[in-house]
Amino acid sequence: MDALVIHAARDLRVEDVPTPEVLPHQLRVRVRFGGICGSDLHYFQDGGFGTIRVKEPMVLGHEVAGMIEEVGSGVSGFAPGERIAISPSLPCGICRYCQQGLQNHCLDMRYFGSAMRTPHVQGAFRREIVVEKGQAYKLADTLSDEEGAMAEPLAVALHAVRRAGPLLGKNVLVTGCGPIGALAVIAARHAGASNIVVTDMGDYALRSALKVGADQAINVAEQPDGLRPFTTDKGQFDVLFEASGNERALRGAFDALRPRGIIVQIGIGGEMTLPINAIVAKEFDLRGTFRFHEEFGIAVDLLNKGLVDVKPLISASVSYRDAGRAFALAADRSKAMKVLLDFK
């Protein structure tokens, strides 16, 4: 079957790859749509990110939905023709962290389209894939395949919101309104946040965040002091979701965050230098957030029941055969949020 295989930076090829035999506990799925993630962009543009580099050909992609074509002999509860979202996460289940319920920190994690281990874990940007039963989550008839492919990034946002603790009635700031930042708006609103302010340097991203529930959007490129009104009385925000990975965005939000405010760092950039004195003096809680586990099933359930709407964040669907144009569009923050590859 055709697959999108990265060989090096800017070297993405459509290649014929074999589909493994379906084992008794597995499903064979015809992939329909796949979302281009920030990590996919890093692999395409730079050959990796940080110390993680592509060392061998690797199929990209981990945000996909499709239709079941074959069910293993030991699988119950699924049938050919059913549509599913596929979790890219396959923890071992037996290491110390899996046993503690921290599967996202599994010591032997296999995550679709990841060069974190060698041999690399091949990804899901292919027309056909074999997955474990536990990676499959049924999609409601009312939900499109495109929306189903959004379950993975929504799960990332749900995990980040869970890391913040209770949000009912809280004032929330989101810095960085790419797809994950915008999905954090959706997740925070669903969790009960009463007021959500977003910042970014691009109008397209800010407009998208407003469409999915943000109360106020501030373009910090045009209004560098846009957060100043929120700095009175030692700060007005209870929780900050920092989704840009930019040190200036994180530091710039400190004055607007109240004492004992919670910072959830979602975005990953380079190393940061932080004003530790401010963190100590205002007793901030700085929390990381990494991937997800059970939140994937929660994301699919919310989508299936129509409790959240991700459609405003889907900017375009492009054939996988035109992947170069799709990746260029996904990298253009002035024109796109989430770009999907069409594998039909």
Protein backbone atom coordinates (compact mmCIF):
# COMPACT_ATOMS: atom_id res chain seq x y z
CA MET A 1 0.00 0.00 0.00
CA ASP A 2 1.07 3.61 -0.60
CA ALA A 3 2.64 5.37 2.40
CA LEU A 4 4.34 8.71 3.05
CA VAL A 5 7.93 7.90 3.98
CA ILE A 6 10.40 10.50 5.29
CA HIS A 7 14.04 9.85 4.41
CA ALA A 8 15.58 13.17 5.49
CA ALA A 9 14.61 16.81 5.77
CA ARG A 10 12.48 17.80 2.74
CA ASP A 11 12.73 14.26 1.40
CA LEU A 12 9.21 12.86 1.70
CA ARG A 13 8.24 10.14 -0.74
CA VAL A 14 5.16 8.13 -1.65
CA GLU A 15 6.33 4.52 -1.46
CA ASP A 16 4.78 1.09 -1.60
CA VAL A 17 5.07 -0.55 1.81
CA PRO A 18 3.85 -4.02 2.83
CA THR A 19 0.82 -4.50 5.05
CA PRO A 20 1.55 -7.06 7.79
CA GLU A 21 -0.58 -10.14 8.27
CA VAL A 22 -3.47 -9.62 10.68
CA LEU A 23 -2.87 -11.52 13.91
CA PRO A 24 -5.79 -12.82 16.02
CA HIS A 25 -5.83 -9.73 18.28
CA GLN A 26 -5.51 -7.16 15.50
CA LEU A 27 -7.52 -5.18 12.93
CA ARG A 28 -6.68 -4.18 9.38
CA VAL A 29 -7.86 -0.67 8.65
CA ARG A 30 -8.17 1.37 5.47
CA VAL A 31 -6.97 4.82 6.50
CA ARG A 32 -9.19 7.64 5.27
CA PHE A 33 -7.79 10.85 6.77
CA GLY A 34 -4.70 11.83 8.70
CA GLY A 35 -3.86 15.14 10.37
CA ILE A 36 -0.46 16.78 9.94
CA CYS A 37 0.97 17.40 13.42
CA GLY A 38 3.71 19.77 14.53
CA SER A 39 6.09 16.84 14.95
CA ASP A 40 5.37 15.73 11.37
CA LEU A 41 6.28 19.24 10.24
CA HIS A 42 9.53 19.11 12.21
CA TYR A 43 10.47 15.79 10.62
CA PHE A 44 9.66 17.18 7.17
CA GLN A 45 11.30 20.59 7.57
CA ASP A 46 14.30 19.73 9.76
CA GLY A 47 14.65 15.96 9.79
CA GLY A 48 13.65 15.86 13.47
CA PHE A 49 13.47 18.03 16.56
CA GLY A 50 15.89 18.53 19.42
CA THR A 51 18.12 15.48 19.67
CA ILE A 52 15.58 13.26 17.91
CA ARG A 53 16.58 12.76 14.27
CA VAL A 54 15.38 10.56 11.42
CA LYS A 55 18.09 7.91 11.04
CA GLU A 56 16.27 5.58 8.66
CA PRO A 57 13.23 5.75 6.36
CA MET A 58 10.08 6.17 8.44
CA VAL A 59 6.38 6.37 7.62
CA LEU A 60 5.09 9.63 9.13
CA GLY A 61 1.81 10.30 10.88
CA HIS A 62 -0.16 9.49 14.01
CA GLU A 63 -3.50 11.35 13.78
CA VAL A 64 -5.71 9.07 11.69
CA ALA A 65 -9.19 7.66 11.23
CA GLY A 66 -10.37 4.95 8.88
CA MET A 67 -12.60 1.96 8.19
CA ILE A 68 -12.07 -1.61 9.39
CA GLU A 69 -11.44 -4.04 6.53
CA GLU A 70 -10.49 -7.21 8.41
CA VAL A 71 -10.96 -8.40 11.99
CA GLY A 72 -8.58 -10.85 13.65
CA SER A 73 -9.98 -14.20 14.71
CA GLY A 74 -9.65 -13.35 18.41
CA VAL A 75 -11.28 -9.92 18.23
CA SER A 76 -14.86 -9.30 19.34
CA GLY A 77 -16.87 -6.08 19.35
CA PHE A 78 -15.65 -4.87 15.95
CA ALA A 79 -16.75 -5.66 12.41
CA PRO A 80 -15.62 -4.87 8.88
CA GLY A 81 -17.15 -1.64 7.62
CA GLU A 82 -17.09 0.12 10.99
CA ARG A 83 -15.28 3.44 11.15
CA ILE A 84 -12.74 4.09 13.89
CA ALA A 85 -10.28 6.60 15.22
CA ILE A 86 -6.90 5.00 15.90
CA SER A 87 -4.86 5.79 18.99
CA PRO A 88 -1.18 5.97 17.98
CA SER A 89 -0.09 5.04 21.48
CA LEU A 90 0.88 1.47 22.33
CA PRO A 91 2.36 1.24 25.85
CA CYS A 92 3.80 -2.06 27.04
CA GLY A 93 1.40 -2.43 29.98
CA ILE A 94 3.98 -4.13 32.21
CA CYS A 95 6.65 -1.56 33.09
CA ARG A 96 6.61 0.30 36.42
CA TYR A 97 4.93 3.38 34.94
CA CYS A 98 2.24 1.45 33.11
CA GLN A 99 1.52 -0.39 36.36
CA GLN A 100 1.14 2.97 38.11
CA GLY A 101 -1.36 4.22 35.51
CA LEU A 102 1.22 6.49 33.86
CA GLN A 103 1.11 4.79 30.47
CA ASN A 104 2.18 7.96 28.68
CA HIS A 105 5.55 7.50 30.41
CA CYS A 106 5.90 3.84 29.39
CA LEU A 107 9.49 2.64 29.32
CA ASP A 108 8.82 0.64 26.15
CA MET A 109 6.33 2.89 24.36
CA ARG A 110 5.65 2.38 20.68
CA TYR A 111 4.11 5.52 19.20
CA PHE A 112 3.23 5.78 15.53
CA GLY A 113 5.61 7.83 13.41
CA SER A 114 8.27 8.35 16.06
CA ALA A 115 12.06 8.40 15.67
CA MET A 116 12.57 8.42 19.44
CA ARG A 117 13.67 4.78 19.27
CA THR A 118 15.66 2.79 16.73
CA PRO A 119 14.41 1.01 14.73
CA HIS A 120 11.90 3.83 14.36
CA VAL A 121 8.20 3.17 14.96
CA GLN A 122 6.53 3.37 11.58
CA GLY A 123 3.61 5.77 11.31
CA ALA A 124 0.05 5.79 10.04
CA PHE A 125 0.23 7.97 6.90
CA ARG A 126 -0.51 4.97 4.69
CA ARG A 127 -3.58 3.71 2.90
CA GLU A 128 -3.74 0.57 5.01
CA ILE A 129 -2.55 -0.24 8.52
CA VAL A 130 -2.75 -3.09 11.02
CA VAL A 131 -3.47 -2.04 14.63
CA GLU A 132 -4.12 -3.63 17.98
CA LYS A 133 -7.74 -3.93 19.10
CA GLY A 134 -7.02 -1.60 22.03
CA GLN A 135 -6.03 1.18 19.65
CA ALA A 136 -9.43 1.25 17.91
CA TYR A 137 -12.29 3.53 18.98
CA LYS A 138 -15.58 3.49 17.09
CA LEU A 139 -16.87 6.67 15.49
CA ALA A 140 -20.53 7.64 15.57
CA ASP A 141 -22.44 7.78 12.29
CA THR A 142 -22.95 11.49 12.88
CA LEU A 143 -19.19 12.13 12.96
CA SER A 144 -17.10 12.60 9.83
CA ASP A 145 -13.81 10.83 9.19
CA GLU A 146 -12.12 14.22 9.24
CA GLU A 147 -13.41 14.93 12.74
CA GLY A 148 -12.37 11.45 13.82
CA ALA A 149 -8.80 12.22 12.80
CA MET A 150 -8.87 15.11 15.29
CA ALA A 151 -9.25 12.76 18.28
CA GLU A 152 -5.49 12.51 18.87
CA PRO A 153 -4.71 16.25 19.17
CA LEU A 154 -7.90 16.71 21.20
CA ALA A 155 -6.62 14.00 23.58
CA VAL A 156 -3.37 15.97 23.98
CA ALA A 157 -5.40 19.05 24.97
CA LEU A 158 -7.61 17.06 27.34
CA HIS A 159 -4.56 15.67 29.11
CA ALA A 160 -3.13 19.18 29.46
CA VAL A 161 -6.39 20.43 30.97
CA ARG A 162 -6.47 17.49 33.35
CA ARG A 163 -2.94 18.41 34.47
CA ALA A 164 -4.25 21.84 35.48
CA GLY A 165 -6.75 20.44 37.95
CA PRO A 166 -10.33 21.74 38.40
CA LEU A 167 -11.19 24.61 36.03
CA LEU A 168 -14.79 25.24 37.04
CA GLY A 169 -15.27 29.01 37.20
CA LYS A 170 -11.58 29.73 36.54
CA ASN A 171 -10.05 32.50 34.44
CA VAL A 172 -7.76 30.95 31.85
CA LEU A 173 -5.05 32.30 29.58
CA VAL A 174 -3.83 30.37 26.52
CA THR A 175 -0.64 31.60 24.86
CA GLY A 176 -0.14 30.25 21.37
CA CYS A 177 -3.19 29.42 19.24
CA GLY A 178 -1.99 26.74 16.92
CA PRO A 179 -4.12 23.59 16.74
CA ILE A 180 -3.19 22.41 20.25
CA GLY A 181 -3.72 25.85 21.79
CA ALA A 182 -7.12 26.14 20.12
CA LEU A 183 -8.04 22.64 21.25
CA ALA A 184 -6.97 23.62 24.78
CA VAL A 185 -9.60 26.36 24.55
CA ILE A 186 -12.22 23.74 23.68
CA ALA A 187 -11.07 21.43 26.48
CA ALA A 188 -10.87 24.21 29.08
CA ARG A 189 -14.36 25.44 28.22
CA HIS A 190 -15.74 21.92 28.47
CA ALA A 191 -14.05 21.64 31.89
CA GLY A 192 -15.94 24.71 33.12
CA ALA A 193 -13.57 27.66 32.62
CA SER A 194 -15.60 30.85 32.89
CA ASN A 195 -13.34 33.20 30.93
CA ILE A 196 -10.70 32.31 28.35
CA VAL A 197 -8.27 34.80 26.84
CA VAL A 198 -5.90 33.78 24.05
CA THR A 199 -2.76 35.38 22.66
CA ASP A 200 -0.86 34.79 19.45
CA MET A 201 1.07 36.71 16.81
CA GLY A 202 -1.24 35.78 13.93
CA ASP A 203 -4.79 36.92 13.23
CA TYR A 204 -5.82 33.68 11.53
CA ALA A 205 -4.99 31.61 14.60
CA LEU A 206 -6.72 34.09 16.89
CA ARG A 207 -9.88 34.10 14.78
CA SER A 208 -9.89 30.30 14.89
CA ALA A 209 -9.59 30.34 18.69
CA LEU A 210 -12.55 32.70 18.93
CA LYS A 211 -14.61 30.36 16.76
CA VAL A 212 -14.09 27.51 19.22
CA GLY A 213 -14.94 29.44 22.36
CA ALA A 214 -12.28 31.95 23.42
CA ASP A 215 -13.78 35.09 24.98
CA GLN A 216 -11.03 37.49 23.95
CA ALA A 217 -8.10 37.35 21.53
CA ILE A 218 -4.98 39.50 21.74
CA ASN A 219 -2.48 39.86 18.91
CA VAL A 220 0.75 40.41 20.85
CA ALA A 221 2.61 41.39 17.68
CA GLU A 222 0.30 44.38 17.31
CA GLN A 223 -0.36 44.86 21.04
CA PRO A 224 2.83 43.97 22.94
CA ASP A 225 1.22 45.26 26.15
CA GLY A 226 -2.11 43.54 25.48
CA LEU A 227 -1.99 41.61 28.76
CA ARG A 228 -1.32 44.71 30.88
CA PRO A 229 -5.00 45.14 31.93
CA PHE A 230 -4.82 41.68 33.50
CA THR A 231 -1.83 42.46 35.71
CA THR A 232 -3.72 44.46 38.35
CA ASP A 233 -3.80 43.13 41.91
CA LYS A 234 -0.91 40.75 41.20
CA GLY A 235 -2.65 39.13 38.23
CA GLN A 236 -6.09 38.00 37.11
CA PHE A 237 -5.63 34.54 35.57
CA ASP A 238 -5.90 31.35 37.59
CA VAL A 239 -4.38 29.07 34.97
CA LEU A 240 -2.01 29.52 32.04
CA PHE A 241 -1.78 27.02 29.19
CA GLU A 242 1.41 27.88 27.35
CA ALA A 243 1.12 26.29 23.91
CA SER A 244 3.64 28.25 21.86
CA GLY A 245 6.86 26.83 23.26
CA ASN A 246 8.20 30.37 23.23
CA GLU A 247 10.10 31.71 26.25
CA ARG A 248 8.88 35.28 25.70
CA ALA A 249 5.27 34.12 25.72
CA LEU A 250 5.76 32.24 28.99
CA ARG A 251 7.64 35.01 30.76
CA GLY A 252 5.28 37.67 29.42
CA ALA A 253 2.31 35.95 31.03
CA PHE A 254 3.77 35.85 34.55
CA ASP A 255 2.55 39.31 35.56
CA ALA A 256 -1.00 38.44 34.47
CA LEU A 257 -1.07 35.22 36.51
CA ARG A 258 -2.29 35.50 40.09
CA PRO A 259 -0.33 34.21 43.08
CA ARG A 260 -0.46 30.41 43.30
CA GLY A 261 -1.53 30.32 39.67
CA ILE A 262 -0.97 27.14 37.70
CA ILE A 263 1.19 27.03 34.58
CA VAL A 264 0.77 24.07 32.24
CA GLN A 265 3.55 24.01 29.66
CA ILE A 266 2.29 22.34 26.49
CA GLY A 267 4.48 23.82 23.77
CA ILE A 268 7.97 22.50 23.22
CA GLY A 269 10.66 24.81 21.90
CA GLY A 270 14.27 25.08 22.91
CA GLU A 271 15.62 25.41 26.39
CA MET A 272 14.20 28.33 28.39
CA THR A 273 15.59 30.69 30.99
CA LEU A 274 12.92 31.40 33.57
CA PRO A 275 12.62 34.12 36.25
CA ILE A 276 12.81 31.79 39.22
CA ASN A 277 12.38 34.69 41.66
CA ALA A 278 8.94 35.42 40.19
CA ILE A 279 7.97 31.75 40.36
CA VAL A 280 9.01 31.63 44.01
CA ALA A 281 7.52 34.99 45.02
CA LYS A 282 4.13 34.29 43.44
CA GLU A 283 4.20 30.59 44.39
CA PHE A 284 3.44 29.40 40.88
CA ASP A 285 2.92 25.72 40.10
CA LEU A 286 4.77 24.87 36.87
CA ARG A 287 3.51 21.61 35.37
CA GLY A 288 4.48 19.70 32.27
CA THR A 289 2.10 17.72 30.10
CA PHE A 290 3.07 14.87 27.78
CA ARG A 291 0.85 13.08 25.31
CA PHE A 292 -2.15 11.22 26.84
CA HIS A 293 -3.55 7.77 27.57
CA GLU A 294 -7.18 7.34 28.60
CA GLU A 295 -7.92 10.80 27.25
CA PHE A 296 -8.00 9.38 23.71
CA GLY A 297 -11.15 7.42 24.50
CA ILE A 298 -12.58 10.47 26.24
CA ALA A 299 -11.86 12.58 23.15
CA VAL A 300 -13.69 10.15 20.87
CA ASP A 301 -16.62 10.01 23.28
CA LEU A 302 -16.91 13.81 23.39
CA LEU A 303 -16.76 13.98 19.60
CA ASN A 304 -19.28 11.18 19.15
CA LYS A 305 -21.77 12.86 21.47
CA GLY A 306 -21.34 16.28 19.87
CA LEU A 307 -20.18 17.80 23.15
CA VAL A 308 -17.23 19.51 21.46
CA ASP A 309 -16.87 20.87 17.93
CA VAL A 310 -13.52 20.69 16.17
CA LYS A 311 -14.79 21.43 12.66
CA PRO A 312 -13.75 25.13 12.75
CA LEU A 313 -10.13 24.03 13.15
CA ILE A 314 -10.04 21.87 10.01
CA SER A 315 -8.62 24.18 7.35
CA ALA A 316 -8.18 21.87 4.37
CA SER A 317 -8.05 18.29 3.13
CA VAL A 318 -5.36 17.50 0.55
CA SER A 319 -4.63 14.24 -1.25
CA TYR A 320 -1.65 12.36 0.16
CA ARG A 321 -0.28 12.31 -3.37
CA ASP A 322 0.14 16.07 -3.08
CA ALA A 323 1.87 15.90 0.31
CA GLY A 324 4.35 18.68 -0.49
CA ARG A 325 1.52 21.19 -0.92
CA ALA A 326 -0.24 19.85 2.19
CA PHE A 327 2.86 20.26 4.37
CA ALA A 328 3.54 23.75 2.99
CA LEU A 329 -0.02 24.78 3.81
CA ALA A 330 0.17 23.23 7.29
CA ALA A 331 3.30 25.28 7.98
CA ASP A 332 1.63 28.56 6.97
CA ARG A 333 0.05 29.88 10.15
CA SER A 334 -1.55 32.74 8.21
CA LYS A 335 -3.70 30.34 6.20
CA ALA A 336 -4.22 27.11 8.09
CA MET A 337 -4.79 25.45 11.42
CA LYS A 338 -5.18 21.69 10.93
CA VAL A 339 -4.49 20.30 7.45
CA LEU A 340 -5.66 16.75 6.78
CA LEU A 341 -4.28 14.28 4.27
CA ASP A 342 -6.91 12.40 2.28
CA PHE A 343 -6.00 8.72 1.81
CA LYS A 344 -9.24 7.61 0.20
